[in-house]
Amino acid sequence: MRGLDEIVAGYGELVEVAIANQEFDKAEKLIDRAKGISADHKIIAEIENALEIAHYDYAIENLNTPTVESVSEPSLASVEPEEEDSQKRAESFVQKISGGN
């Protein structure tokens, strides 16, 4: 059993390197291989969590949000809905959130 632990631990280290290099697909493949050796090893849950966190961190770091300096003035819709249409949508919305049909 100790030999399997060492192999899974080795895969864990390889996954950590792949995550550090933002090679998420490679990390997932390595996790799958580790699961093939010992599916319910505690290291697998740890490296899966690390990969999930890395995915979220990567997504947050790469959001394309405008900075305040890059927005010169607010933009407006070119066509505003008619008052009657807005009233119907408001009533429909209130009906939906209050549970009515």
Protein backbone atom coordinates (compact mmCIF):
# COMPACT_ATOMS: atom_id res chain seq x y z
CA MET A 1 0.00 0.00 0.00
CA ARG A 2 2.88 2.35 0.71
CA GLY A 3 4.04 2.11 -2.90
CA LEU A 4 0.62 3.27 -4.12
CA ASP A 5 0.72 6.17 -1.67
CA GLU A 6 4.06 7.28 -3.10
CA ILE A 7 2.79 7.05 -6.67
CA VAL A 8 -0.35 9.08 -5.88
CA ALA A 9 1.79 11.60 -3.98
CA GLY A 10 4.02 11.89 -7.05
CA TYR A 11 0.99 12.63 -9.19
CA GLY A 12 -0.03 15.22 -6.61
CA GLU A 13 3.29 16.98 -7.03
CA LEU A 14 2.95 16.91 -10.83
CA VAL A 15 -0.55 18.39 -10.52
CA GLU A 16 0.81 21.21 -8.36
CA VAL A 17 3.42 22.01 -11.02
CA ALA A 18 0.80 21.94 -13.77
CA ILE A 19 -1.43 24.28 -11.75
CA ALA A 20 1.47 26.67 -11.14
CA ASN A 21 2.04 26.77 -14.91
CA GLN A 22 -1.70 27.25 -15.54
CA GLU A 23 -1.83 23.94 -17.42
CA PHE A 24 -5.26 23.04 -16.11
CA ASP A 25 -6.06 20.38 -18.73
CA LYS A 26 -2.81 18.61 -17.94
CA ALA A 27 -3.60 18.80 -14.22
CA GLU A 28 -7.01 17.19 -14.82
CA LYS A 29 -5.43 14.35 -16.80
CA LEU A 30 -2.90 13.75 -14.02
CA ILE A 31 -5.70 13.65 -11.45
CA ASP A 32 -7.53 11.08 -13.57
CA ARG A 33 -4.40 8.93 -13.65
CA ALA A 34 -4.01 9.21 -9.89
CA LYS A 35 -7.65 8.14 -9.49
CA GLY A 36 -6.86 5.06 -11.58
CA ILE A 37 -4.27 4.05 -9.01
CA SER A 38 -6.22 4.79 -5.84
CA ALA A 39 -9.59 6.45 -6.44
CA ASP A 40 -10.36 7.44 -2.85
CA HIS A 41 -6.90 8.52 -1.74
CA LYS A 42 -7.00 11.67 0.41
CA ILE A 43 -4.44 13.42 -1.78
CA ILE A 44 -6.81 13.26 -4.75
CA ALA A 45 -9.45 15.32 -2.95
CA GLU A 46 -6.78 17.85 -1.99
CA ILE A 47 -5.43 18.26 -5.52
CA GLU A 48 -8.95 18.45 -6.97
CA ASN A 49 -9.70 21.29 -4.55
CA ALA A 50 -6.44 23.01 -5.46
CA LEU A 51 -7.32 22.77 -9.16
CA GLU A 52 -10.80 24.16 -8.59
CA ILE A 53 -9.40 27.11 -6.63
CA ALA A 54 -6.82 27.73 -9.36
CA HIS A 55 -9.61 27.80 -11.97
CA TYR A 56 -11.49 30.43 -9.96
CA ASP A 57 -8.36 32.48 -9.32
CA TYR A 58 -7.48 32.40 -13.01
CA ALA A 59 -10.99 33.48 -13.99
CA ILE A 60 -10.98 36.36 -11.53
CA GLU A 61 -7.53 37.56 -12.62
CA ASN A 62 -8.57 37.55 -16.26
CA LEU A 63 -11.89 39.37 -16.07
CA ASN A 64 -12.12 42.17 -18.60
CA THR A 65 -13.69 44.93 -16.58
CA PRO A 66 -13.29 48.55 -17.60
CA THR A 67 -11.51 50.85 -15.24
CA VAL A 68 -13.11 54.10 -14.11
CA GLU A 69 -10.61 56.09 -16.16
CA SER A 70 -11.55 54.26 -19.38
CA VAL A 71 -15.25 55.16 -19.12
CA SER A 72 -15.68 58.70 -20.38
CA GLU A 73 -19.41 59.07 -19.87
CA PRO A 74 -22.35 56.77 -19.28
CA SER A 75 -24.05 55.36 -22.33
CA LEU A 76 -27.82 55.36 -22.74
CA ALA A 77 -30.07 53.00 -24.61
CA SER A 78 -30.88 54.36 -28.05
CA VAL A 79 -34.54 53.36 -27.78
CA GLU A 80 -36.39 53.79 -24.54
CA PRO A 81 -39.43 51.59 -23.92
CA GLU A 82 -42.80 53.27 -23.94
CA GLU A 83 -44.29 54.03 -20.52
CA GLU A 84 -47.12 51.54 -21.01
CA ASP A 85 -44.64 48.76 -21.89
CA SER A 86 -42.55 49.52 -18.80
CA GLN A 87 -45.65 49.36 -16.61
CA LYS A 88 -46.63 45.95 -18.04
CA ARG A 89 -43.13 44.57 -17.46
CA ALA A 90 -43.09 45.92 -13.91
CA GLU A 91 -46.46 44.34 -13.14
CA SER A 92 -45.32 41.04 -14.68
CA PHE A 93 -42.15 41.10 -12.59
CA VAL A 94 -44.04 41.78 -9.36
CA GLN A 95 -46.46 38.98 -10.19
CA LYS A 96 -43.59 36.52 -10.79
CA ILE A 97 -41.76 37.30 -7.56
CA SER A 98 -44.96 37.21 -5.52
CA GLY A 99 -45.75 33.72 -6.83
CA GLY A 100 -48.75 34.69 -8.94
CA ASN A 101 -49.27 33.51 -12.51
